[in-house]
Amino acid sequence: MWKLTRDETNYGIPQRALRGHSHFVSDVVISSDGQFALSGSWDGTLRLWDLTTGTTTRRFVGHTKDVLSVAFSSDNRQIVSGSRDKTIKLWNTLGVCKYTVQDESHSEWVSCVRFSPNSSNPIIVSCGWDKLVKVWNLANCKLKTNHIGHTGYLNTVTVSPDGSLCASGGKDGQAMLWDLNEGKHLYTLDGGDI
């Protein structure tokens, strides 16, 4: 944990270290209320941290390989994770896996998972090393849409605040924008265009 400053020579002051994983930490997110952090690690686990005390409140066990990405839902009541085991898992905050997405899941590593911030359109968006962006219905964890267009593995995906758009990027040097309501590609920004 860092306290950010406006000092031009020192941008932040370390406040607290969160210790507990036995391997690399691949992703960390903070809950919207600022009370908790969630981490995913190459040790195959997720950890929920109380930021006031700096302690682990829950340890999430279930992935069989490295956890690459984690996210909180907008209400902080659900957690999603993506892993090198090619699965997406939906958890409650008590550390119980409520669903494992396997049908129509990624055929390679799941590199990034995100919830839509818009609770009226409850979806999860994922991307992976299979070059696909996938949109999942949160209510039943079924695939809604495959977005095809990237020519290399994907590292990241993000969802707009209103949940209508998604952007993805990866090895091919392109950022692609997708319409989540219509399920279609809008445009591509190529790194070589700059």
N, C-alpha and C. Protein backbone atom coordinates (compact mmCIF):
# COMPACT_ATOMS: atom_id res chain seq x y z
N MET A 1 0.85 -1.17 0.00
CA MET A 1 0.00 0.00 0.00
C MET A 1 0.89 1.23 0.00
N TRP A 2 0.51 2.19 -0.82
CA TRP A 2 1.27 3.42 -0.95
C TRP A 2 0.40 4.63 -0.64
N LYS A 3 0.98 5.62 0.00
CA LYS A 3 0.33 6.92 0.13
C LYS A 3 0.91 7.77 -0.99
N LEU A 4 0.05 8.19 -1.92
CA LEU A 4 0.51 8.97 -3.05
C LEU A 4 0.71 10.42 -2.64
N THR A 5 1.78 11.02 -3.18
CA THR A 5 2.10 12.42 -2.89
C THR A 5 2.17 13.19 -4.20
N ARG A 6 2.26 14.49 -4.09
CA ARG A 6 2.39 15.33 -5.29
C ARG A 6 3.82 15.83 -5.44
N ASP A 7 4.71 15.30 -4.66
CA ASP A 7 6.11 15.69 -4.70
C ASP A 7 6.73 15.17 -6.00
N GLU A 8 7.41 16.04 -6.74
CA GLU A 8 7.98 15.65 -8.04
C GLU A 8 9.16 14.69 -7.90
N THR A 9 9.76 14.61 -6.73
CA THR A 9 10.90 13.71 -6.55
C THR A 9 10.52 12.41 -5.87
N ASN A 10 9.36 12.39 -5.22
CA ASN A 10 8.93 11.19 -4.50
C ASN A 10 7.41 11.07 -4.65
N TYR A 11 6.99 10.21 -5.56
CA TYR A 11 5.57 10.14 -5.91
C TYR A 11 4.71 9.38 -4.90
N GLY A 12 5.35 8.65 -4.01
CA GLY A 12 4.58 7.90 -3.04
C GLY A 12 5.44 7.41 -1.89
N ILE A 13 4.77 7.13 -0.79
CA ILE A 13 5.45 6.63 0.40
C ILE A 13 4.83 5.28 0.75
N PRO A 14 5.65 4.24 0.85
CA PRO A 14 5.07 2.93 1.20
C PRO A 14 4.46 2.96 2.60
N GLN A 15 3.25 2.44 2.72
CA GLN A 15 2.53 2.43 3.99
C GLN A 15 2.46 1.03 4.61
N ARG A 16 2.28 0.02 3.75
CA ARG A 16 2.09 -1.33 4.28
C ARG A 16 2.38 -2.35 3.18
N ALA A 17 3.00 -3.46 3.57
CA ALA A 17 3.20 -4.59 2.66
C ALA A 17 2.20 -5.68 3.03
N LEU A 18 1.59 -6.26 2.00
CA LEU A 18 0.65 -7.37 2.21
C LEU A 18 1.39 -8.66 1.88
N ARG A 19 1.68 -9.45 2.89
CA ARG A 19 2.48 -10.66 2.70
C ARG A 19 1.64 -11.91 2.93
N GLY A 20 1.85 -12.91 2.05
CA GLY A 20 1.10 -14.15 2.23
C GLY A 20 1.22 -15.11 1.06
N HIS A 21 1.32 -14.58 -0.17
CA HIS A 21 1.46 -15.46 -1.33
C HIS A 21 2.85 -16.10 -1.33
N SER A 22 2.93 -17.29 -1.90
CA SER A 22 4.22 -18.00 -1.95
C SER A 22 4.89 -17.90 -3.32
N HIS A 23 4.33 -17.11 -4.24
CA HIS A 23 4.89 -16.94 -5.58
C HIS A 23 4.53 -15.55 -6.08
N PHE A 24 4.87 -15.24 -7.35
CA PHE A 24 4.60 -13.92 -7.92
C PHE A 24 3.13 -13.53 -7.76
N VAL A 25 2.89 -12.26 -7.48
CA VAL A 25 1.54 -11.71 -7.51
C VAL A 25 1.33 -11.14 -8.91
N SER A 26 0.30 -11.63 -9.60
CA SER A 26 0.08 -11.24 -10.99
C SER A 26 -0.96 -10.14 -11.15
N ASP A 27 -1.83 -9.96 -10.17
CA ASP A 27 -2.87 -8.93 -10.27
C ASP A 27 -3.33 -8.52 -8.87
N VAL A 28 -3.64 -7.24 -8.72
CA VAL A 28 -4.19 -6.71 -7.47
C VAL A 28 -5.25 -5.68 -7.83
N VAL A 29 -6.41 -5.75 -7.18
CA VAL A 29 -7.46 -4.75 -7.34
C VAL A 29 -7.93 -4.32 -5.96
N ILE A 30 -8.48 -3.11 -5.87
CA ILE A 30 -9.00 -2.58 -4.61
C ILE A 30 -10.51 -2.45 -4.73
N SER A 31 -11.22 -2.83 -3.68
CA SER A 31 -12.69 -2.74 -3.68
C SER A 31 -13.12 -1.29 -3.81
N SER A 32 -14.33 -1.07 -4.34
CA SER A 32 -14.80 0.29 -4.58
C SER A 32 -14.97 1.10 -3.29
N ASP A 33 -15.13 0.42 -2.16
CA ASP A 33 -15.23 1.13 -0.88
C ASP A 33 -13.86 1.37 -0.23
N GLY A 34 -12.79 0.87 -0.86
CA GLY A 34 -11.44 1.09 -0.36
C GLY A 34 -11.07 0.30 0.88
N GLN A 35 -11.90 -0.64 1.29
CA GLN A 35 -11.64 -1.39 2.52
C GLN A 35 -10.84 -2.68 2.28
N PHE A 36 -10.90 -3.20 1.06
CA PHE A 36 -10.27 -4.49 0.78
C PHE A 36 -9.44 -4.45 -0.49
N ALA A 37 -8.44 -5.31 -0.54
CA ALA A 37 -7.69 -5.57 -1.76
C ALA A 37 -7.86 -7.05 -2.08
N LEU A 38 -7.78 -7.37 -3.35
CA LEU A 38 -7.87 -8.74 -3.83
C LEU A 38 -6.66 -9.00 -4.69
N SER A 39 -5.96 -10.09 -4.43
CA SER A 39 -4.76 -10.41 -5.21
C SER A 39 -4.86 -11.80 -5.80
N GLY A 40 -4.23 -11.96 -6.96
CA GLY A 40 -4.11 -13.27 -7.60
C GLY A 40 -2.64 -13.58 -7.79
N SER A 41 -2.28 -14.85 -7.67
CA SER A 41 -0.86 -15.20 -7.65
C SER A 41 -0.55 -16.45 -8.45
N TRP A 42 0.72 -16.56 -8.80
CA TRP A 42 1.22 -17.78 -9.45
C TRP A 42 1.20 -18.96 -8.49
N ASP A 43 0.91 -18.75 -7.21
CA ASP A 43 0.77 -19.89 -6.30
C ASP A 43 -0.59 -20.57 -6.47
N GLY A 44 -1.41 -20.06 -7.42
CA GLY A 44 -2.70 -20.68 -7.74
C GLY A 44 -3.85 -20.23 -6.86
N THR A 45 -3.61 -19.23 -6.00
CA THR A 45 -4.65 -18.77 -5.08
C THR A 45 -4.97 -17.30 -5.28
N LEU A 46 -6.11 -16.90 -4.71
CA LEU A 46 -6.49 -15.51 -4.55
C LEU A 46 -6.48 -15.23 -3.06
N ARG A 47 -6.26 -13.97 -2.70
CA ARG A 47 -6.36 -13.57 -1.30
C ARG A 47 -7.15 -12.27 -1.21
N LEU A 48 -8.03 -12.24 -0.22
CA LEU A 48 -8.78 -11.03 0.11
C LEU A 48 -8.12 -10.42 1.34
N TRP A 49 -7.73 -9.15 1.23
CA TRP A 49 -6.97 -8.48 2.28
C TRP A 49 -7.80 -7.38 2.92
N ASP A 50 -7.77 -7.29 4.23
CA ASP A 50 -8.33 -6.16 4.97
C ASP A 50 -7.27 -5.07 4.96
N LEU A 51 -7.55 -3.94 4.34
CA LEU A 51 -6.54 -2.89 4.20
C LEU A 51 -6.31 -2.11 5.48
N THR A 52 -7.22 -2.21 6.43
CA THR A 52 -7.02 -1.55 7.72
C THR A 52 -5.98 -2.29 8.55
N THR A 53 -6.08 -3.62 8.56
CA THR A 53 -5.16 -4.42 9.38
C THR A 53 -3.99 -5.00 8.59
N GLY A 54 -4.13 -5.08 7.25
CA GLY A 54 -3.08 -5.67 6.42
C GLY A 54 -3.06 -7.18 6.46
N THR A 55 -4.15 -7.79 6.91
CA THR A 55 -4.19 -9.25 7.04
C THR A 55 -5.09 -9.87 5.98
N THR A 56 -4.82 -11.14 5.69
CA THR A 56 -5.66 -11.92 4.79
C THR A 56 -6.95 -12.29 5.52
N THR A 57 -8.10 -11.94 4.94
CA THR A 57 -9.38 -12.33 5.54
C THR A 57 -9.92 -13.61 4.90
N ARG A 58 -9.56 -13.86 3.65
CA ARG A 58 -9.97 -15.08 2.96
C ARG A 58 -8.89 -15.51 1.98
N ARG A 59 -8.75 -16.82 1.85
CA ARG A 59 -7.86 -17.42 0.86
C ARG A 59 -8.73 -18.26 -0.05
N PHE A 60 -8.63 -18.04 -1.36
CA PHE A 60 -9.47 -18.70 -2.35
C PHE A 60 -8.65 -19.78 -3.05
N VAL A 61 -9.05 -21.02 -2.89
CA VAL A 61 -8.33 -22.16 -3.46
C VAL A 61 -9.25 -22.89 -4.43
N GLY A 62 -8.74 -23.20 -5.62
CA GLY A 62 -9.57 -23.92 -6.59
C GLY A 62 -8.94 -24.00 -7.97
N HIS A 63 -8.15 -23.00 -8.32
CA HIS A 63 -7.45 -23.06 -9.61
C HIS A 63 -6.32 -24.07 -9.52
N THR A 64 -6.04 -24.73 -10.62
CA THR A 64 -4.98 -25.74 -10.64
C THR A 64 -3.66 -25.19 -11.19
N LYS A 65 -3.68 -23.96 -11.67
CA LYS A 65 -2.45 -23.30 -12.15
C LYS A 65 -2.49 -21.83 -11.73
N ASP A 66 -1.50 -21.07 -12.19
CA ASP A 66 -1.34 -19.67 -11.82
C ASP A 66 -2.61 -18.85 -12.06
N VAL A 67 -2.96 -18.00 -11.11
CA VAL A 67 -4.06 -17.05 -11.27
C VAL A 67 -3.47 -15.79 -11.91
N LEU A 68 -4.00 -15.41 -13.06
CA LEU A 68 -3.46 -14.27 -13.81
C LEU A 68 -4.25 -12.99 -13.63
N SER A 69 -5.55 -13.09 -13.29
CA SER A 69 -6.38 -11.90 -13.23
C SER A 69 -7.50 -12.08 -12.21
N VAL A 70 -7.82 -10.98 -11.52
CA VAL A 70 -8.90 -10.98 -10.52
C VAL A 70 -9.69 -9.68 -10.65
N ALA A 71 -10.95 -9.70 -10.21
CA ALA A 71 -11.77 -8.49 -10.25
C ALA A 71 -12.91 -8.59 -9.24
N PHE A 72 -13.32 -7.43 -8.73
CA PHE A 72 -14.51 -7.30 -7.89
C PHE A 72 -15.68 -6.88 -8.77
N SER A 73 -16.89 -7.34 -8.42
CA SER A 73 -18.10 -6.79 -9.04
C SER A 73 -18.31 -5.37 -8.50
N SER A 74 -19.17 -4.60 -9.16
CA SER A 74 -19.36 -3.20 -8.77
C SER A 74 -19.88 -3.06 -7.34
N ASP A 75 -20.61 -4.06 -6.84
CA ASP A 75 -21.11 -4.00 -5.46
C ASP A 75 -20.18 -4.70 -4.46
N ASN A 76 -19.02 -5.17 -4.94
CA ASN A 76 -18.00 -5.85 -4.12
C ASN A 76 -18.48 -7.17 -3.52
N ARG A 77 -19.57 -7.73 -4.01
CA ARG A 77 -20.11 -8.96 -3.44
C ARG A 77 -19.68 -10.21 -4.20
N GLN A 78 -19.17 -10.03 -5.42
CA GLN A 78 -18.72 -11.17 -6.20
C GLN A 78 -17.30 -10.91 -6.69
N ILE A 79 -16.61 -12.00 -6.95
CA ILE A 79 -15.23 -11.96 -7.40
C ILE A 79 -15.11 -12.89 -8.59
N VAL A 80 -14.33 -12.48 -9.58
CA VAL A 80 -14.06 -13.35 -10.72
C VAL A 80 -12.55 -13.49 -10.86
N SER A 81 -12.12 -14.67 -11.31
CA SER A 81 -10.69 -14.92 -11.52
C SER A 81 -10.48 -15.67 -12.82
N GLY A 82 -9.32 -15.43 -13.44
CA GLY A 82 -8.91 -16.13 -14.65
C GLY A 82 -7.54 -16.72 -14.43
N SER A 83 -7.29 -17.88 -15.07
CA SER A 83 -6.08 -18.63 -14.73
C SER A 83 -5.43 -19.28 -15.95
N ARG A 84 -4.18 -19.69 -15.73
CA ARG A 84 -3.49 -20.50 -16.73
C ARG A 84 -4.10 -21.89 -16.87
N ASP A 85 -5.00 -22.27 -15.96
CA ASP A 85 -5.68 -23.56 -16.09
C ASP A 85 -6.84 -23.48 -17.09
N LYS A 86 -6.98 -22.31 -17.77
CA LYS A 86 -7.96 -22.07 -18.84
C LYS A 86 -9.39 -21.95 -18.32
N THR A 87 -9.55 -21.70 -17.02
CA THR A 87 -10.89 -21.54 -16.46
C THR A 87 -11.11 -20.13 -15.92
N ILE A 88 -12.39 -19.80 -15.82
CA ILE A 88 -12.85 -18.59 -15.16
C ILE A 88 -13.68 -19.06 -13.97
N LYS A 89 -13.40 -18.50 -12.80
CA LYS A 89 -14.15 -18.90 -11.60
C LYS A 89 -14.87 -17.68 -11.02
N LEU A 90 -16.11 -17.91 -10.62
CA LEU A 90 -16.92 -16.91 -9.95
C LEU A 90 -17.01 -17.29 -8.48
N TRP A 91 -16.66 -16.35 -7.59
CA TRP A 91 -16.57 -16.61 -6.15
C TRP A 91 -17.47 -15.64 -5.39
N ASN A 92 -17.86 -16.04 -4.17
CA ASN A 92 -18.41 -15.06 -3.24
C ASN A 92 -17.26 -14.56 -2.37
N THR A 93 -17.51 -13.57 -1.54
CA THR A 93 -16.43 -12.99 -0.74
C THR A 93 -16.05 -13.85 0.47
N LEU A 94 -16.75 -14.96 0.66
CA LEU A 94 -16.39 -15.90 1.73
C LEU A 94 -15.37 -16.93 1.25
N GLY A 95 -14.97 -16.83 -0.02
CA GLY A 95 -13.97 -17.75 -0.56
C GLY A 95 -14.56 -19.00 -1.17
N VAL A 96 -15.87 -19.01 -1.39
CA VAL A 96 -16.54 -20.19 -1.96
C VAL A 96 -16.68 -19.99 -3.47
N CYS A 97 -16.18 -20.96 -4.24
CA CYS A 97 -16.34 -20.92 -5.69
C CYS A 97 -17.79 -21.29 -6.01
N LYS A 98 -18.52 -20.35 -6.61
CA LYS A 98 -19.93 -20.57 -6.93
C LYS A 98 -20.12 -21.17 -8.32
N TYR A 99 -19.14 -20.94 -9.22
CA TYR A 99 -19.27 -21.46 -10.58
C TYR A 99 -17.91 -21.47 -11.26
N THR A 100 -17.65 -22.51 -12.01
CA THR A 100 -16.46 -22.58 -12.85
C THR A 100 -16.91 -22.63 -14.30
N VAL A 101 -16.49 -21.64 -15.09
CA VAL A 101 -16.84 -21.61 -16.51
C VAL A 101 -15.91 -22.56 -17.24
N GLN A 102 -16.48 -23.60 -17.83
CA GLN A 102 -15.70 -24.55 -18.62
C GLN A 102 -16.28 -24.73 -20.01
N ASP A 103 -17.63 -24.74 -20.11
CA ASP A 103 -18.26 -24.88 -21.42
C ASP A 103 -17.99 -23.63 -22.25
N GLU A 104 -17.46 -23.83 -23.44
CA GLU A 104 -17.15 -22.74 -24.38
C GLU A 104 -16.13 -21.76 -23.82
N SER A 105 -15.34 -22.21 -22.84
CA SER A 105 -14.35 -21.34 -22.23
C SER A 105 -13.15 -21.16 -23.17
N HIS A 106 -12.16 -20.45 -22.69
CA HIS A 106 -10.96 -20.21 -23.48
C HIS A 106 -10.19 -21.52 -23.68
N SER A 107 -9.57 -21.65 -24.85
CA SER A 107 -8.79 -22.85 -25.14
C SER A 107 -7.33 -22.69 -24.71
N GLU A 108 -6.98 -21.50 -24.28
CA GLU A 108 -5.63 -21.21 -23.76
C GLU A 108 -5.78 -20.42 -22.45
N TRP A 109 -4.66 -19.92 -21.93
CA TRP A 109 -4.66 -19.19 -20.67
C TRP A 109 -5.67 -18.05 -20.68
N VAL A 110 -6.34 -17.84 -19.56
CA VAL A 110 -7.24 -16.70 -19.38
C VAL A 110 -6.42 -15.58 -18.75
N SER A 111 -6.12 -14.55 -19.53
CA SER A 111 -5.17 -13.53 -19.06
C SER A 111 -5.82 -12.35 -18.34
N CYS A 112 -7.11 -12.08 -18.60
CA CYS A 112 -7.75 -10.94 -17.95
C CYS A 112 -9.26 -11.16 -17.85
N VAL A 113 -9.83 -10.81 -16.70
CA VAL A 113 -11.28 -10.90 -16.47
C VAL A 113 -11.75 -9.60 -15.83
N ARG A 114 -12.94 -9.14 -16.24
CA ARG A 114 -13.51 -7.91 -15.69
C ARG A 114 -15.03 -8.03 -15.64
N PHE A 115 -15.62 -7.47 -14.59
CA PHE A 115 -17.07 -7.32 -14.51
C PHE A 115 -17.46 -6.04 -15.23
N SER A 116 -18.67 -6.00 -15.78
CA SER A 116 -19.22 -4.73 -16.24
C SER A 116 -19.58 -3.91 -15.00
N PRO A 117 -19.23 -2.61 -14.98
CA PRO A 117 -19.62 -1.77 -13.84
C PRO A 117 -21.13 -1.50 -13.80
N ASN A 118 -21.82 -1.75 -14.90
CA ASN A 118 -23.25 -1.46 -15.00
C ASN A 118 -24.06 -2.65 -14.50
N SER A 119 -24.69 -2.51 -13.35
CA SER A 119 -25.43 -3.63 -12.75
C SER A 119 -26.70 -3.98 -13.51
N SER A 120 -27.17 -3.09 -14.39
CA SER A 120 -28.36 -3.41 -15.19
C SER A 120 -28.00 -4.29 -16.39
N ASN A 121 -26.71 -4.43 -16.67
CA ASN A 121 -26.23 -5.33 -17.73
C ASN A 121 -25.17 -6.23 -17.11
N PRO A 122 -25.58 -7.24 -16.32
CA PRO A 122 -24.62 -8.04 -15.55
C PRO A 122 -23.84 -9.03 -16.42
N ILE A 123 -22.62 -8.63 -16.78
CA ILE A 123 -21.77 -9.48 -17.61
C ILE A 123 -20.35 -9.51 -17.05
N ILE A 124 -19.63 -10.54 -17.49
CA ILE A 124 -18.19 -10.65 -17.27
C ILE A 124 -17.56 -10.65 -18.65
N VAL A 125 -16.45 -9.94 -18.80
CA VAL A 125 -15.69 -9.95 -20.05
C VAL A 125 -14.33 -10.57 -19.75
N SER A 126 -13.89 -11.47 -20.63
CA SER A 126 -12.59 -12.13 -20.44
C SER A 126 -11.82 -12.10 -21.75
N CYS A 127 -10.51 -12.26 -21.64
CA CYS A 127 -9.68 -12.44 -22.83
C CYS A 127 -8.56 -13.41 -22.48
N GLY A 128 -7.93 -13.93 -23.54
CA GLY A 128 -6.91 -14.93 -23.27
C GLY A 128 -5.90 -15.10 -24.38
N TRP A 129 -5.09 -16.12 -24.21
CA TRP A 129 -4.04 -16.42 -25.17
C TRP A 129 -4.59 -17.12 -26.41
N ASP A 130 -5.88 -17.38 -26.45
CA ASP A 130 -6.52 -17.93 -27.65
C ASP A 130 -6.97 -16.83 -28.61
N LYS A 131 -6.59 -15.56 -28.32
CA LYS A 131 -6.85 -14.40 -29.16
C LYS A 131 -8.31 -13.95 -29.14
N LEU A 132 -9.10 -14.44 -28.19
CA LEU A 132 -10.53 -14.14 -28.15
C LEU A 132 -10.89 -13.25 -26.97
N VAL A 133 -11.87 -12.38 -27.20
CA VAL A 133 -12.57 -11.66 -26.13
C VAL A 133 -13.92 -12.34 -26.00
N LYS A 134 -14.26 -12.75 -24.78
CA LYS A 134 -15.52 -13.45 -24.55
C LYS A 134 -16.38 -12.66 -23.57
N VAL A 135 -17.67 -12.63 -23.85
CA VAL A 135 -18.63 -11.94 -22.98
C VAL A 135 -19.56 -12.99 -22.40
N TRP A 136 -19.70 -12.97 -21.07
CA TRP A 136 -20.46 -13.99 -20.34
C TRP A 136 -21.64 -13.35 -19.62
N ASN A 137 -22.77 -14.01 -19.64
CA ASN A 137 -23.95 -13.59 -18.88
C ASN A 137 -23.69 -13.95 -17.42
N LEU A 138 -23.69 -12.97 -16.54
CA LEU A 138 -23.38 -13.21 -15.13
C LEU A 138 -24.45 -14.05 -14.44
N ALA A 139 -25.69 -13.93 -14.89
CA ALA A 139 -26.80 -14.65 -14.24
C ALA A 139 -26.66 -16.16 -14.34
N ASN A 140 -26.17 -16.65 -15.50
CA ASN A 140 -26.06 -18.11 -15.69
C ASN A 140 -24.67 -18.57 -16.11
N CYS A 141 -23.73 -17.63 -16.20
CA CYS A 141 -22.33 -17.91 -16.60
C CYS A 141 -22.25 -18.58 -17.97
N LYS A 142 -23.18 -18.27 -18.84
CA LYS A 142 -23.17 -18.80 -20.21
C LYS A 142 -22.58 -17.76 -21.15
N LEU A 143 -21.93 -18.26 -22.21
CA LEU A 143 -21.32 -17.39 -23.21
C LEU A 143 -22.39 -16.62 -23.98
N LYS A 144 -22.21 -15.29 -24.07
CA LYS A 144 -23.10 -14.45 -24.88
C LYS A 144 -22.48 -14.20 -26.26
N THR A 145 -21.18 -13.85 -26.27
CA THR A 145 -20.53 -13.43 -27.51
C THR A 145 -19.05 -13.79 -27.50
N ASN A 146 -18.55 -14.21 -28.66
CA ASN A 146 -17.12 -14.31 -28.93
C ASN A 146 -16.75 -13.13 -29.82
N HIS A 147 -15.74 -12.37 -29.43
CA HIS A 147 -15.26 -11.28 -30.28
C HIS A 147 -13.93 -11.73 -30.90
N ILE A 148 -13.93 -11.84 -32.21
CA ILE A 148 -12.80 -12.38 -32.96
C ILE A 148 -12.18 -11.26 -33.79
N GLY A 149 -10.86 -11.17 -33.80
CA GLY A 149 -10.20 -10.16 -34.62
C GLY A 149 -8.72 -10.00 -34.32
N HIS A 150 -8.32 -10.27 -33.09
CA HIS A 150 -6.90 -10.15 -32.75
C HIS A 150 -6.11 -11.29 -33.39
N THR A 151 -4.84 -11.01 -33.70
CA THR A 151 -3.98 -12.01 -34.33
C THR A 151 -2.89 -12.52 -33.39
N GLY A 152 -2.88 -12.04 -32.17
CA GLY A 152 -1.92 -12.51 -31.16
C GLY A 152 -2.63 -12.67 -29.83
N TYR A 153 -1.92 -13.25 -28.87
CA TYR A 153 -2.54 -13.46 -27.56
C TYR A 153 -2.92 -12.11 -26.94
N LEU A 154 -3.90 -12.15 -26.06
CA LEU A 154 -4.41 -10.93 -25.42
C LEU A 154 -3.94 -10.85 -23.98
N ASN A 155 -3.59 -9.62 -23.57
CA ASN A 155 -3.15 -9.37 -22.20
C ASN A 155 -4.21 -8.69 -21.34
N THR A 156 -5.02 -7.84 -21.97
CA THR A 156 -5.90 -7.00 -21.15
C THR A 156 -7.22 -6.71 -21.83
N VAL A 157 -8.21 -6.48 -20.98
CA VAL A 157 -9.54 -6.08 -21.43
C VAL A 157 -10.11 -5.14 -20.37
N THR A 158 -10.89 -4.17 -20.79
CA THR A 158 -11.53 -3.25 -19.86
C THR A 158 -12.93 -2.93 -20.37
N VAL A 159 -13.82 -2.57 -19.45
CA VAL A 159 -15.21 -2.28 -19.79
C VAL A 159 -15.52 -0.83 -19.42
N SER A 160 -16.23 -0.14 -20.30
CA SER A 160 -16.60 1.26 -20.05
C SER A 160 -17.52 1.37 -18.83
N PRO A 161 -17.56 2.54 -18.18
CA PRO A 161 -18.40 2.70 -16.98
C PRO A 161 -19.88 2.37 -17.18
N ASP A 162 -20.41 2.61 -18.39
CA ASP A 162 -21.82 2.30 -18.63
C ASP A 162 -22.04 0.87 -19.12
N GLY A 163 -20.95 0.11 -19.29
CA GLY A 163 -21.04 -1.29 -19.69
C GLY A 163 -21.37 -1.52 -21.15
N SER A 164 -21.32 -0.48 -21.97
CA SER A 164 -21.70 -0.64 -23.38
C SER A 164 -20.51 -0.96 -24.29
N LEU A 165 -19.31 -0.64 -23.84
CA LEU A 165 -18.11 -0.82 -24.66
C LEU A 165 -17.06 -1.63 -23.92
N CYS A 166 -16.22 -2.27 -24.71
CA CYS A 166 -15.10 -3.03 -24.18
C CYS A 166 -13.90 -2.76 -25.07
N ALA A 167 -12.73 -2.63 -24.48
CA ALA A 167 -11.49 -2.50 -25.24
C ALA A 167 -10.57 -3.64 -24.86
N SER A 168 -9.82 -4.13 -25.85
CA SER A 168 -8.90 -5.25 -25.62
C SER A 168 -7.57 -4.95 -26.28
N GLY A 169 -6.49 -5.55 -25.76
CA GLY A 169 -5.18 -5.35 -26.34
C GLY A 169 -4.25 -6.50 -26.02
N GLY A 170 -3.22 -6.65 -26.88
CA GLY A 170 -2.29 -7.74 -26.66
C GLY A 170 -1.10 -7.73 -27.59
N LYS A 171 -0.61 -8.92 -27.88
CA LYS A 171 0.63 -9.15 -28.61
C LYS A 171 0.65 -8.56 -30.01
N ASP A 172 -0.52 -8.47 -30.66
CA ASP A 172 -0.55 -7.96 -32.03
C ASP A 172 -0.37 -6.44 -32.12
N GLY A 173 -0.24 -5.76 -30.97
CA GLY A 173 0.00 -4.32 -30.97
C GLY A 173 -1.23 -3.50 -31.30
N GLN A 174 -2.39 -4.12 -31.26
CA GLN A 174 -3.62 -3.42 -31.58
C GLN A 174 -4.53 -3.33 -30.36
N ALA A 175 -5.21 -2.20 -30.25
CA ALA A 175 -6.28 -2.05 -29.27
C ALA A 175 -7.58 -2.07 -30.06
N MET A 176 -8.49 -2.95 -29.68
CA MET A 176 -9.76 -3.06 -30.39
C MET A 176 -10.90 -2.64 -29.48
N LEU A 177 -11.86 -1.93 -30.06
CA LEU A 177 -13.04 -1.48 -29.33
C LEU A 177 -14.24 -2.29 -29.81
N TRP A 178 -15.01 -2.79 -28.84
CA TRP A 178 -16.15 -3.66 -29.13
C TRP A 178 -17.42 -3.06 -28.55
N ASP A 179 -18.54 -3.20 -29.28
CA ASP A 179 -19.86 -2.80 -28.80
C ASP A 179 -20.47 -4.01 -28.10
N LEU A 180 -20.65 -3.93 -26.78
CA LEU A 180 -21.14 -5.08 -26.02
C LEU A 180 -22.65 -5.27 -26.16
N ASN A 181 -23.38 -4.20 -26.49
CA ASN A 181 -24.82 -4.33 -26.68
C ASN A 181 -25.16 -5.00 -28.01
N GLU A 182 -24.42 -4.62 -29.05
CA GLU A 182 -24.66 -5.17 -30.39
C GLU A 182 -23.80 -6.40 -30.67
N GLY A 183 -22.78 -6.61 -29.85
CA GLY A 183 -21.90 -7.76 -30.05
C GLY A 183 -21.04 -7.65 -31.29
N LYS A 184 -20.53 -6.44 -31.56
CA LYS A 184 -19.74 -6.27 -32.79
C LYS A 184 -18.50 -5.42 -32.56
N HIS A 185 -17.56 -5.57 -33.49
CA HIS A 185 -16.31 -4.81 -33.51
C HIS A 185 -16.61 -3.40 -34.01
N LEU A 186 -16.08 -2.38 -33.32
CA LEU A 186 -16.29 -1.00 -33.75
C LEU A 186 -15.09 -0.47 -34.52
N TYR A 187 -13.90 -0.52 -33.90
CA TYR A 187 -12.71 -0.12 -34.64
C TYR A 187 -11.45 -0.60 -33.96
N THR A 188 -10.34 -0.46 -34.69
CA THR A 188 -9.03 -0.93 -34.24
C THR A 188 -8.05 0.22 -34.23
N LEU A 189 -7.30 0.34 -33.16
CA LEU A 189 -6.19 1.28 -33.08
C LEU A 189 -4.91 0.48 -33.18
N ASP A 190 -4.13 0.75 -34.21
CA ASP A 190 -2.89 0.00 -34.42
C ASP A 190 -1.73 0.78 -33.83
N GLY A 191 -0.88 0.10 -33.07
CA GLY A 191 0.28 0.75 -32.46
C GLY A 191 1.19 1.41 -33.48
N GLY A 192 1.20 0.91 -34.71
CA GLY A 192 2.02 1.49 -35.77
C GLY A 192 1.45 2.77 -36.34
N ASP A 193 0.22 3.11 -35.98
CA ASP A 193 -0.43 4.32 -36.50
C ASP A 193 0.00 5.58 -35.78
N ILE A 194 0.73 5.44 -34.68
CA ILE A 194 1.11 6.61 -33.88
C ILE A 194 2.27 7.34 -34.52
